[in-house]
Every structure is written in C-alpha cells, then in structure tokens.
C-alpha atoms as a PDB file:
ATOM      1  CA  MET A   1     232.803 299.449 150.492  1.00  0.00           C
ATOM      2  CA  GLU A   2     233.184 295.692 150.971  1.00  0.00           C
ATOM      3  CA  ASP A   3     232.118 295.807 154.616  1.00  0.00           C
ATOM      4  CA  THR A   4     228.770 297.349 153.726  1.00  0.00           C
ATOM      5  CA  LEU A   5     227.665 294.036 152.249  1.00  0.00           C
ATOM      6  CA  ILE A   6     228.500 292.121 155.436  1.00  0.00           C
ATOM      7  CA  LEU A   7     225.617 292.865 157.760  1.00  0.00           C
ATOM      8  CA  LYS A   8     224.729 290.727 160.751  1.00  0.00           C
ATOM      9  CA  PRO A   9     221.311 289.027 160.843  1.00  0.00           C
ATOM     10  CA  ASN A  10     220.025 291.490 163.449  1.00  0.00           C
ATOM     11  CA  GLN A  11     221.081 294.394 161.236  1.00  0.00           C
ATOM     12  CA  LEU A  12     219.235 292.977 158.247  1.00  0.00           C
ATOM     13  CA  ASP A  13     216.282 292.395 160.575  1.00  0.00           C
ATOM     14  CA  ALA A  14     216.331 296.093 161.450  1.00  0.00           C
ATOM     15  CA  LEU A  15     216.206 297.020 157.763  1.00  0.00           C
ATOM     16  CA  ARG A  16     213.463 294.449 157.185  1.00  0.00           C
ATOM     17  CA  GLU A  17     211.415 295.915 160.028  1.00  0.00           C
ATOM     18  CA  VAL A  18     211.704 299.383 158.488  1.00  0.00           C
ATOM     19  CA  ALA A  19     210.568 297.926 155.158  1.00  0.00           C
ATOM     20  CA  ASN A  20     207.677 296.084 156.820  1.00  0.00           C
ATOM     21  CA  ILE A  21     206.466 299.269 158.485  1.00  0.00           C
ATOM     22  CA  GLY A  22     206.614 301.072 155.146  1.00  0.00           C
ATOM     23  CA  ALA A  23     204.794 298.184 153.462  1.00  0.00           C
ATOM     24  CA  GLY A  24     202.028 298.331 156.034  1.00  0.00           C
ATOM     25  CA  HIS A  25     201.455 302.023 155.417  1.00  0.00           C
ATOM     26  CA  ALA A  26     201.639 301.434 151.662  1.00  0.00           C
ATOM     27  CA  ALA A  27     199.034 298.651 151.842  1.00  0.00           C
ATOM     28  CA  THR A  28     196.615 300.864 153.755  1.00  0.00           C
ATOM     29  CA  ALA A  29     197.019 303.751 151.312  1.00  0.00           C
ATOM     30  CA  LEU A  30     196.666 301.558 148.224  1.00  0.00           C
ATOM     31  CA  SER A  31     193.621 299.784 149.683  1.00  0.00           C
ATOM     32  CA  GLN A  32     191.925 303.144 150.101  1.00  0.00           C
ATOM     33  CA  MET A  33     192.799 304.156 146.547  1.00  0.00           C
ATOM     34  CA  ILE A  34     191.309 301.108 144.847  1.00  0.00           C
ATOM     35  CA  GLY A  35     188.610 300.309 147.395  1.00  0.00           C
ATOM     36  CA  GLU A  36     189.790 296.735 147.949  1.00  0.00           C
ATOM     37  CA  THR A  37     191.659 294.953 150.710  1.00  0.00           C
ATOM     38  CA  ILE A  38     195.384 294.710 149.965  1.00  0.00           C
ATOM     39  CA  MET A  39     198.059 293.158 152.121  1.00  0.00           C
ATOM     40  CA  ILE A  40     201.766 293.614 151.426  1.00  0.00           C
ATOM     41  CA  SER A  41     204.541 291.442 152.778  1.00  0.00           C
ATOM     42  CA  VAL A  42     208.297 291.912 152.459  1.00  0.00           C
ATOM     43  CA  PRO A  43     209.747 288.481 151.694  1.00  0.00           C
ATOM     44  CA  ARG A  44     213.249 289.649 150.881  1.00  0.00           C
ATOM     45  CA  ILE A  45     215.531 292.598 151.415  1.00  0.00           C
ATOM     46  CA  ASN A  46     219.169 292.791 150.441  1.00  0.00           C
ATOM     47  CA  ILE A  47     221.968 295.159 149.627  1.00  0.00           C
ATOM     48  CA  ALA A  48     223.630 294.390 146.337  1.00  0.00           C
ATOM     49  CA  PRO A  49     225.930 295.980 143.786  1.00  0.00           C
ATOM     50  CA  LEU A  50     224.078 297.636 140.941  1.00  0.00           C
ATOM     51  CA  GLU A  51     225.122 295.033 138.391  1.00  0.00           C
ATOM     52  CA  GLU A  52     223.542 292.213 140.427  1.00  0.00           C
ATOM     53  CA  VAL A  53     220.111 293.798 140.755  1.00  0.00           C
ATOM     54  CA  PRO A  54     218.480 293.653 137.263  1.00  0.00           C
ATOM     55  CA  PRO A  55     218.084 289.824 137.189  1.00  0.00           C
ATOM     56  CA  GLN A  56     216.187 290.045 140.488  1.00  0.00           C
ATOM     57  CA  LEU A  57     213.620 292.351 138.922  1.00  0.00           C
ATOM     58  CA  SER A  58     212.833 290.679 135.615  1.00  0.00           C
ATOM     59  CA  ALA A  59     214.195 288.571 132.816  1.00  0.00           C
ATOM     60  CA  PRO A  60     216.469 290.596 130.498  1.00  0.00           C
ATOM     61  CA  GLU A  61     213.919 290.601 127.661  1.00  0.00           C
ATOM     62  CA  GLU A  62     210.959 291.625 129.853  1.00  0.00           C
ATOM     63  CA  PRO A  63     210.210 295.344 130.249  1.00  0.00           C
ATOM     64  CA  VAL A  64     209.394 296.915 133.584  1.00  0.00           C
ATOM     65  CA  ALA A  65     207.571 300.049 134.663  1.00  0.00           C
ATOM     66  CA  ALA A  66     209.784 302.034 137.018  1.00  0.00           C
ATOM     67  CA  VAL A  67     208.800 305.190 138.868  1.00  0.00           C
ATOM     68  CA  LEU A  68     211.819 307.278 139.804  1.00  0.00           C
ATOM     69  CA  MET A  69     211.873 309.915 142.520  1.00  0.00           C
ATOM     70  CA  GLN A  70     214.692 311.959 143.942  1.00  0.00           C
ATOM     71  CA  MET A  71     215.134 311.757 147.706  1.00  0.00           C
ATOM     72  CA  LEU A  72     215.566 315.192 149.214  1.00  0.00           C
ATOM     73  CA  GLY A  73     216.129 316.431 152.755  1.00  0.00           C
ATOM     74  CA  ASP A  74     218.638 315.031 155.260  1.00  0.00           C
ATOM     75  CA  LEU A  75     219.550 312.079 153.005  1.00  0.00           C
ATOM     76  CA  ALA A  76     220.209 312.240 149.282  1.00  0.00           C
ATOM     77  CA  GLY A  77     219.696 309.697 146.565  1.00  0.00           C
ATOM     78  CA  ARG A  78     216.961 308.222 144.457  1.00  0.00           C
ATOM     79  CA  THR A  79     214.153 305.747 144.901  1.00  0.00           C
ATOM     80  CA  LEU A  80     212.728 303.436 142.283  1.00  0.00           C
ATOM     81  CA  LEU A  81     209.492 301.518 142.510  1.00  0.00           C
ATOM     82  CA  VAL A  82     209.685 298.793 139.885  1.00  0.00           C
ATOM     83  CA  PHE A  83     206.863 296.600 138.603  1.00  0.00           C
ATOM     84  CA  PRO A  84     207.047 293.939 135.898  1.00  0.00           C
ATOM     85  CA  LYS A  85     204.945 295.323 133.056  1.00  0.00           C
ATOM     86  CA  PRO A  86     202.048 292.838 133.552  1.00  0.00           C
ATOM     87  CA  THR A  87     201.843 293.916 137.191  1.00  0.00           C
ATOM     88  CA  ALA A  88     201.775 297.578 136.191  1.00  0.00           C
ATOM     89  CA  LEU A  89     198.962 296.865 133.729  1.00  0.00           C
ATOM     90  CA  ARG A  90     196.945 295.033 136.371  1.00  0.00           C
ATOM     91  CA  LEU A  91     197.508 297.799 138.903  1.00  0.00           C
ATOM     92  CA  SER A  92     196.278 300.389 136.412  1.00  0.00           C
ATOM     93  CA  GLU A  93     193.153 298.286 135.792  1.00  0.00           C
ATOM     94  CA  LEU A  94     192.401 298.165 139.503  1.00  0.00           C
ATOM     95  CA  MET A  95     192.850 301.890 139.953  1.00  0.00           C
ATOM     96  CA  LEU A  96     190.751 302.698 136.894  1.00  0.00           C
ATOM     97  CA  ARG A  97     188.061 300.154 137.916  1.00  0.00           C
ATOM     98  CA  ARG A  98     188.509 298.217 134.682  1.00  0.00           C
ATOM     99  CA  PRO A  99     187.929 294.478 134.167  1.00  0.00           C
ATOM    100  CA  LYS A 100     190.926 292.198 134.455  1.00  0.00           C
ATOM    101  CA  GLY A 101     192.731 291.811 131.113  1.00  0.00           C
ATOM    102  CA  SER A 102     191.152 294.884 129.546  1.00  0.00           C
ATOM    103  CA  SER A 103     194.366 296.953 129.531  1.00  0.00           C
ATOM    104  CA  THR A 104     196.884 295.904 126.913  1.00  0.00           C
ATOM    105  CA  ASP A 105     199.316 298.804 127.032  1.00  0.00           C
ATOM    106  CA  LEU A 106     200.418 301.593 129.327  1.00  0.00           C
ATOM    107  CA  GLY A 107     198.936 304.639 127.678  1.00  0.00           C
ATOM    108  CA  GLU A 108     198.909 308.176 129.047  1.00  0.00           C
ATOM    109  CA  LEU A 109     196.064 307.539 131.507  1.00  0.00           C
ATOM    110  CA  GLU A 110     197.537 304.256 132.737  1.00  0.00           C
ATOM    111  CA  GLN A 111     200.940 305.859 133.226  1.00  0.00           C
ATOM    112  CA  SER A 112     199.358 308.692 135.198  1.00  0.00           C
ATOM    113  CA  VAL A 113     197.679 306.359 137.697  1.00  0.00           C
ATOM    114  CA  ILE A 114     200.832 304.235 138.032  1.00  0.00           C
ATOM    115  CA  LYS A 115     202.780 307.367 138.944  1.00  0.00           C
ATOM    116  CA  GLU A 116     200.081 308.356 141.424  1.00  0.00           C
ATOM    117  CA  ALA A 117     200.137 304.938 143.100  1.00  0.00           C
ATOM    118  CA  SER A 118     203.920 304.775 143.118  1.00  0.00           C
ATOM    119  CA  ASN A 119     204.171 308.228 144.640  1.00  0.00           C
ATOM    120  CA  ILE A 120     202.083 307.012 147.587  1.00  0.00           C
ATOM    121  CA  LEU A 121     203.855 303.646 147.896  1.00  0.00           C
ATOM    122  CA  SER A 122     207.367 305.110 147.731  1.00  0.00           C
ATOM    123  CA  GLY A 123     206.336 307.830 150.143  1.00  0.00           C
ATOM    124  CA  ALA A 124     205.230 305.189 152.652  1.00  0.00           C
ATOM    125  CA  TYR A 125     208.620 303.457 152.517  1.00  0.00           C
ATOM    126  CA  MET A 126     210.464 306.757 152.765  1.00  0.00           C
ATOM    127  CA  ASN A 127     208.395 307.827 155.771  1.00  0.00           C
ATOM    128  CA  ALA A 128     209.307 304.592 157.542  1.00  0.00           C
ATOM    129  CA  LEU A 129     213.001 305.210 156.827  1.00  0.00           C
ATOM    130  CA  SER A 130     212.613 308.820 157.928  1.00  0.00           C
ATOM    131  CA  ASP A 131     211.135 307.763 161.283  1.00  0.00           C
ATOM    132  CA  PHE A 132     213.862 305.137 161.786  1.00  0.00           C
ATOM    133  CA  MET A 133     216.661 307.559 160.996  1.00  0.00           C
ATOM    134  CA  GLY A 134     215.112 310.524 162.796  1.00  0.00           C
ATOM    135  CA  MET A 135     215.683 312.580 159.669  1.00  0.00           C
ATOM    136  CA  MET A 136     213.530 314.516 157.247  1.00  0.00           C
ATOM    137  CA  LEU A 137     213.120 312.880 153.839  1.00  0.00           C
ATOM    138  CA  LEU A 138     211.087 314.418 151.038  1.00  0.00           C
ATOM    139  CA  PRO A 139     210.262 312.890 147.636  1.00  0.00           C
ATOM    140  CA  SER A 140     210.462 314.821 144.390  1.00  0.00           C
ATOM    141  CA  PRO A 141     207.648 314.565 141.809  1.00  0.00           C
ATOM    142  CA  PRO A 142     207.692 311.108 140.179  1.00  0.00           C
ATOM    143  CA  SER A 143     208.818 310.268 136.659  1.00  0.00           C
ATOM    144  CA  LEU A 144     207.965 307.027 134.886  1.00  0.00           C
ATOM    145  CA  ALA A 145     210.219 304.939 132.649  1.00  0.00           C
ATOM    146  CA  ILE A 146     209.158 301.831 130.760  1.00  0.00           C
ATOM    147  CA  ASP A 147     212.256 299.941 129.724  1.00  0.00           C
ATOM    148  CA  PHE A 148     214.363 296.901 130.563  1.00  0.00           C
ATOM    149  CA  SER A 149     215.489 296.782 134.193  1.00  0.00           C
ATOM    150  CA  ALA A 150     219.198 297.138 133.408  1.00  0.00           C
ATOM    151  CA  ALA A 151     218.550 300.306 131.376  1.00  0.00           C
ATOM    152  CA  VAL A 152     216.341 301.785 134.103  1.00  0.00           C
ATOM    153  CA  LEU A 153     218.931 301.232 136.826  1.00  0.00           C
ATOM    154  CA  THR A 154     221.830 302.473 134.743  1.00  0.00           C
ATOM    155  CA  SER A 155     219.931 305.654 133.927  1.00  0.00           C
ATOM    156  CA  ALA A 156     219.103 306.265 137.595  1.00  0.00           C
ATOM    157  CA  TYR A 157     222.695 305.825 138.715  1.00  0.00           C
ATOM    158  CA  LEU A 158     224.131 308.175 136.120  1.00  0.00           C
ATOM    159  CA  GLN A 159     223.151 310.897 138.581  1.00  0.00           C
ATOM    160  CA  PHE A 160     225.955 309.874 140.924  1.00  0.00           C
ATOM    161  CA  GLY A 161     228.772 308.709 138.678  1.00  0.00           C
ATOM    162  CA  ASN A 162     230.503 305.410 139.418  1.00  0.00           C
ATOM    163  CA  ASP A 163     231.670 305.890 142.994  1.00  0.00           C
ATOM    164  CA  TYR A 164     228.626 304.408 144.726  1.00  0.00           C
ATOM    165  CA  ASP A 165     226.719 301.561 143.189  1.00  0.00           C
ATOM    166  CA  LEU A 166     225.046 299.767 146.097  1.00  0.00           C
ATOM    167  CA  VAL A 167     221.283 299.317 145.999  1.00  0.00           C
ATOM    168  CA  PHE A 168     218.880 298.497 148.817  1.00  0.00           C
ATOM    169  CA  CYS A 169     216.371 296.175 147.148  1.00  0.00           C
ATOM    170  CA  VAL A 170     213.079 295.403 148.899  1.00  0.00           C
ATOM    171  CA  GLU A 171     210.924 292.805 147.170  1.00  0.00           C
ATOM    172  CA  SER A 172     207.287 293.242 148.144  1.00  0.00           C
ATOM    173  CA  ALA A 173     204.389 290.844 147.549  1.00  0.00           C
ATOM    174  CA  PHE A 174     200.963 292.403 147.109  1.00  0.00           C
ATOM    175  CA  TYR A 175     197.990 290.166 147.955  1.00  0.00           C
ATOM    176  CA  MET A 176     194.538 291.326 146.933  1.00  0.00           C
ATOM    177  CA  LYS A 177     192.198 289.391 149.160  1.00  0.00           C
ATOM    178  CA  ASP A 178     188.988 290.182 147.277  1.00  0.00           C
ATOM    179  CA  TYR A 179     190.464 288.940 143.978  1.00  0.00           C
ATOM    180  CA  ASP A 180     192.687 286.238 145.481  1.00  0.00           C
ATOM    181  CA  GLU A 181     195.543 287.610 143.366  1.00  0.00           C
ATOM    182  CA  HIS A 182     199.223 288.082 144.079  1.00  0.00           C
ATOM    183  CA  LEU A 183     201.295 290.822 142.473  1.00  0.00           C
ATOM    184  CA  ARG A 184     204.912 291.690 143.113  1.00  0.00           C
ATOM    185  CA  GLY A 185     206.966 294.822 143.032  1.00  0.00           C
ATOM    186  CA  PHE A 186     210.341 296.110 144.134  1.00  0.00           C
ATOM    187  CA  PHE A 187     211.233 299.207 146.118  1.00  0.00           C
ATOM    188  CA  LEU A 188     214.820 300.249 145.437  1.00  0.00           C
ATOM    189  CA  LEU A 189     216.750 302.816 147.411  1.00  0.00           C
ATOM    190  CA  LEU A 190     219.806 304.215 145.642  1.00  0.00           C
ATOM    191  CA  PRO A 191     221.552 306.426 148.211  1.00  0.00           C
ATOM    192  CA  ASP A 192     224.547 308.605 147.545  1.00  0.00           C
ATOM    193  CA  GLY A 193     227.749 307.750 149.395  1.00  0.00           C
ATOM    194  CA  ALA A 194     227.197 309.835 152.529  1.00  0.00           C
ATOM    195  CA  SER A 195     223.589 308.682 152.871  1.00  0.00           C
ATOM    196  CA  LEU A 196     224.566 305.040 152.441  1.00  0.00           C
ATOM    197  CA  GLN A 197     227.057 305.309 155.279  1.00  0.00           C
ATOM    198  CA  ALA A 198     224.489 307.124 157.468  1.00  0.00           C
ATOM    199  CA  ILE A 199     221.924 304.357 156.954  1.00  0.00           C
ATOM    200  CA  LEU A 200     224.442 301.626 157.682  1.00  0.00           C
ATOM    201  CA  ARG A 201     225.624 303.424 160.835  1.00  0.00           C
ATOM    202  CA  ALA A 202     222.024 303.678 162.026  1.00  0.00           C
ATOM    203  CA  VAL A 203     221.454 299.968 161.394  1.00  0.00           C
ATOM    204  CA  ARG A 204     224.623 298.983 163.221  1.00  0.00           C
ATOM    205  CA  VAL A 205     223.598 300.775 166.381  1.00  0.00           C
ATOM    206  CA  ALA A 206     219.923 299.820 166.146  1.00  0.00           C
END
C-alpha cells in the first residue's frame, strides 16, 4: 500500500477538483437550508494512514461531532463529516435560527439538525465522486457520534478490520458572508480495499 501515498501533483489536483465540485454543491444546499450566503473552499486534501488523521481534526482533548454514513453502491466504505464541537454548535444555531452563543450543548434537536445538514453535505461530496468515477454511490442514513476524534475514527474503521487504514481527508472552510464568520469541517472518505484501488486507478488515468 506504500505506493498509494505517492501521488503526483496532477493526481492530487484531480482529487482536489472532485472535492471542490462537491464543496460547491454543498455550499449551495447549505445556503438554501439556513437562508444565508455560504461559500466553501477546499484548502487541503490528503491521503493519510488512519493513525495520522486525528491530530488534523482536533486537539486530543477536544471533542468533535462526527456524522457517519455507509457508502453503498459500486464502491464500498464509509464517510465521516467531522466538525469541532464549537463549529457543530454554531451550525445548529444557524439552522435553528438562534442567536450566536445561545446553544451550549448538542441536545436532541441540535443533533437532529446536524445530521440533516451532514446528510446533505456528505451527499454533495459523494455525488461529485460518483460523477468522476462514473459509478453509482448511495449514502446510508446518518448516525451521529460526539467523542474525541481518535475514538470516532477507530470506531468507524472497526467495520473493515486492520487491512485497510488509509483515509481521504478533505478539509473544508465554510465562510458565511452575511455574518463574516469562518467555520471549518472535514469530509473523510474511508474506502474498503477494492474501492481504494478503484479510486486511485481513476485518478491515475484522469
């Protein structure tokens, strides 16, 4: 699996373009949901072993809100949309039309709207990958976990055992123009072995 980490700049550019297309669709959908202008950029995308990913998401002592979905169809694996907890709280405020700082915890209602938003955002990224690959990808219903990033990732990868532990990590920056606020989140794709090789083959001939 060593060679999977050695991608040429044009191959990473191809992955970044897929992520940018997904981000654009996600921004449009989220803007419609909250009634405000949102722009999303993709400043960084990389492929890393599982053990290297948690520090990218948050400090070890900081919890995250992670929405997990199974990827069904022509590729198999899981997707995670991960927000630092303060970002998740702010996103729930926006969707519930609450004043900034009014939400102090992720209760049942807040968790519900985070899952709803994440379902749309992850779906946008998956649709972009589906179009790029020329394959059908379908998301399962979302489930939400609030925990430390290392625990969230370990739990997600228990589905596949220890054979494949590479993660596509897309860091996305959300800019809310009307509030002049920046939020950040991470879209993680955790493919199984066959799907990982299929994606990398597609990138190498792109």
